[in-house]
Amino acid sequence: MIHEMRLNNEPFNKIKEGTKTVELRLLDEKRKTLRVGDKIIFTNRANNEKIDVVITNLFKADSFEPIYEKYSKVAMGYNEEDDAKPEDMEEYYSKEEIKKYGCIAIEIEKVLK
């Protein structure tokens, strides 16, 4: 199955460079259809550039805390010097949404063309 998702410029470029290998999202209805082996086409919100990735693993959790414990901050898209904490995701999702849906870490690899 092929899924489409949009990303801001910085995380898009980190996936393109190969440093960001884990995408964090709410486990909403759209994300519940994700399966290992599926393809995601990410579109850069800034310039509509696209990049294809394949899902290599999925990690589901009730909150972002276990995800932040499991993965390195660089793999999740942070810089090495950044202070990474689960509360950072509240910039994108409310506490209510996180509690209602849960969270998912999508492990990805770029598709070489």
Protein backbone atom coordinates (compact mmCIF):
# COMPACT_ATOMS: atom_id res chain seq x y z
CA MET A 1 0.00 0.00 0.00
CA ILE A 2 1.14 3.56 -0.69
CA HIS A 3 0.55 6.33 1.87
CA GLU A 4 1.06 10.07 1.48
CA MET A 5 2.18 12.40 4.27
CA ARG A 6 3.37 15.98 4.41
CA LEU A 7 6.44 17.18 6.29
CA ASN A 8 7.98 20.51 7.18
CA ASN A 9 11.22 21.39 5.40
CA GLU A 10 13.71 20.45 8.14
CA PRO A 11 12.47 16.90 8.87
CA PHE A 12 12.00 16.31 5.14
CA ASN A 13 15.63 17.21 4.46
CA LYS A 14 16.84 15.02 7.34
CA ILE A 15 15.04 12.04 5.80
CA LYS A 16 16.54 12.94 2.43
CA GLU A 17 20.03 13.08 4.01
CA GLY A 18 19.41 9.76 5.75
CA THR A 19 19.82 10.99 9.35
CA LYS A 20 16.11 10.90 10.28
CA THR A 21 14.96 7.28 10.12
CA VAL A 22 11.96 7.40 12.47
CA GLU A 23 8.81 9.43 11.86
CA LEU A 24 6.56 10.10 14.86
CA ARG A 25 2.80 10.43 14.46
CA LEU A 26 -0.49 10.00 16.26
CA LEU A 27 -1.93 6.52 15.86
CA ASP A 28 -5.08 7.94 14.29
CA GLU A 29 -7.32 6.16 11.78
CA LYS A 30 -5.02 7.01 8.86
CA ARG A 31 -1.90 5.66 10.63
CA LYS A 32 -3.67 2.45 11.73
CA THR A 33 -3.53 1.29 8.10
CA LEU A 34 0.30 1.39 8.01
CA ARG A 35 2.09 -1.94 7.59
CA VAL A 36 5.75 -2.98 7.39
CA GLY A 37 6.71 -3.03 3.72
CA ASP A 38 4.29 -0.24 2.76
CA LYS A 39 5.61 2.81 0.94
CA ILE A 40 5.19 6.41 2.13
CA ILE A 41 5.54 9.36 -0.20
CA PHE A 42 6.55 12.37 1.90
CA THR A 43 5.90 15.82 0.41
CA ASN A 44 7.89 18.83 1.58
CA ARG A 45 5.41 21.54 2.63
CA ALA A 46 7.91 24.25 1.61
CA ASN A 47 8.47 23.30 -2.03
CA ASN A 48 6.35 20.19 -2.79
CA GLU A 49 9.47 18.05 -3.33
CA LYS A 50 8.73 14.36 -2.80
CA ILE A 51 10.71 11.47 -1.37
CA ASP A 52 9.75 7.80 -1.24
CA VAL A 53 10.44 5.62 1.79
CA VAL A 54 9.54 2.10 2.82
CA ILE A 55 8.32 1.16 6.31
CA THR A 56 10.77 -1.23 7.99
CA ASN A 57 9.17 -1.40 11.44
CA LEU A 58 6.31 0.05 13.48
CA PHE A 59 6.35 0.71 17.23
CA LYS A 60 3.03 1.62 18.87
CA ALA A 61 2.69 3.20 22.30
CA ASP A 62 0.11 4.92 24.52
CA SER A 63 2.25 8.07 24.61
CA PHE A 64 5.45 9.45 23.12
CA GLU A 65 7.50 8.63 26.26
CA PRO A 66 8.31 4.98 25.33
CA ILE A 67 9.18 6.10 21.80
CA TYR A 68 11.63 8.71 23.08
CA GLU A 69 13.19 6.04 25.33
CA LYS A 70 13.54 3.54 22.48
CA TYR A 71 15.02 5.69 19.69
CA SER A 72 18.00 8.03 19.45
CA LYS A 73 17.15 11.69 19.12
CA VAL A 74 19.04 11.92 15.81
CA ALA A 75 16.97 9.04 14.35
CA MET A 76 13.83 10.97 15.38
CA GLY A 77 15.05 14.11 13.58
CA TYR A 78 16.76 16.10 16.31
CA ASN A 79 20.29 17.47 16.14
CA GLU A 80 22.85 15.86 18.45
CA GLU A 81 23.03 18.99 20.63
CA ASP A 82 19.23 19.29 20.96
CA ASP A 83 17.36 18.52 24.16
CA ALA A 84 14.76 15.96 23.04
CA LYS A 85 11.70 15.32 25.18
CA PRO A 86 8.28 13.76 24.55
CA GLU A 87 6.53 17.04 25.36
CA ASP A 88 8.02 18.45 22.13
CA MET A 89 5.31 16.56 20.25
CA GLU A 90 2.67 18.78 21.89
CA GLU A 91 3.73 21.38 19.32
CA TYR A 92 1.91 19.17 16.78
CA TYR A 93 -0.64 17.22 18.82
CA SER A 94 -2.68 18.11 21.90
CA LYS A 95 -2.47 16.05 25.10
CA GLU A 96 -6.08 15.06 24.45
CA GLU A 97 -5.28 13.73 20.97
CA ILE A 98 -2.28 11.78 22.29
CA LYS A 99 -4.42 10.23 25.03
CA LYS A 100 -7.27 9.44 22.63
CA TYR A 101 -5.28 7.88 19.77
CA GLY A 102 -1.91 6.81 21.13
CA CYS A 103 1.31 7.19 19.18
CA ILE A 104 3.36 5.41 16.56
CA ALA A 105 7.01 5.42 15.57
CA ILE A 106 7.41 4.61 11.88
CA GLU A 107 10.88 3.26 11.07
CA ILE A 108 11.74 4.09 7.46
CA GLU A 109 14.37 3.64 4.76
CA LYS A 110 14.71 5.76 1.64
CA VAL A 111 13.77 4.06 -1.61
CA LEU A 112 16.69 4.34 -4.00
CA LYS A 113 15.56 5.28 -7.49
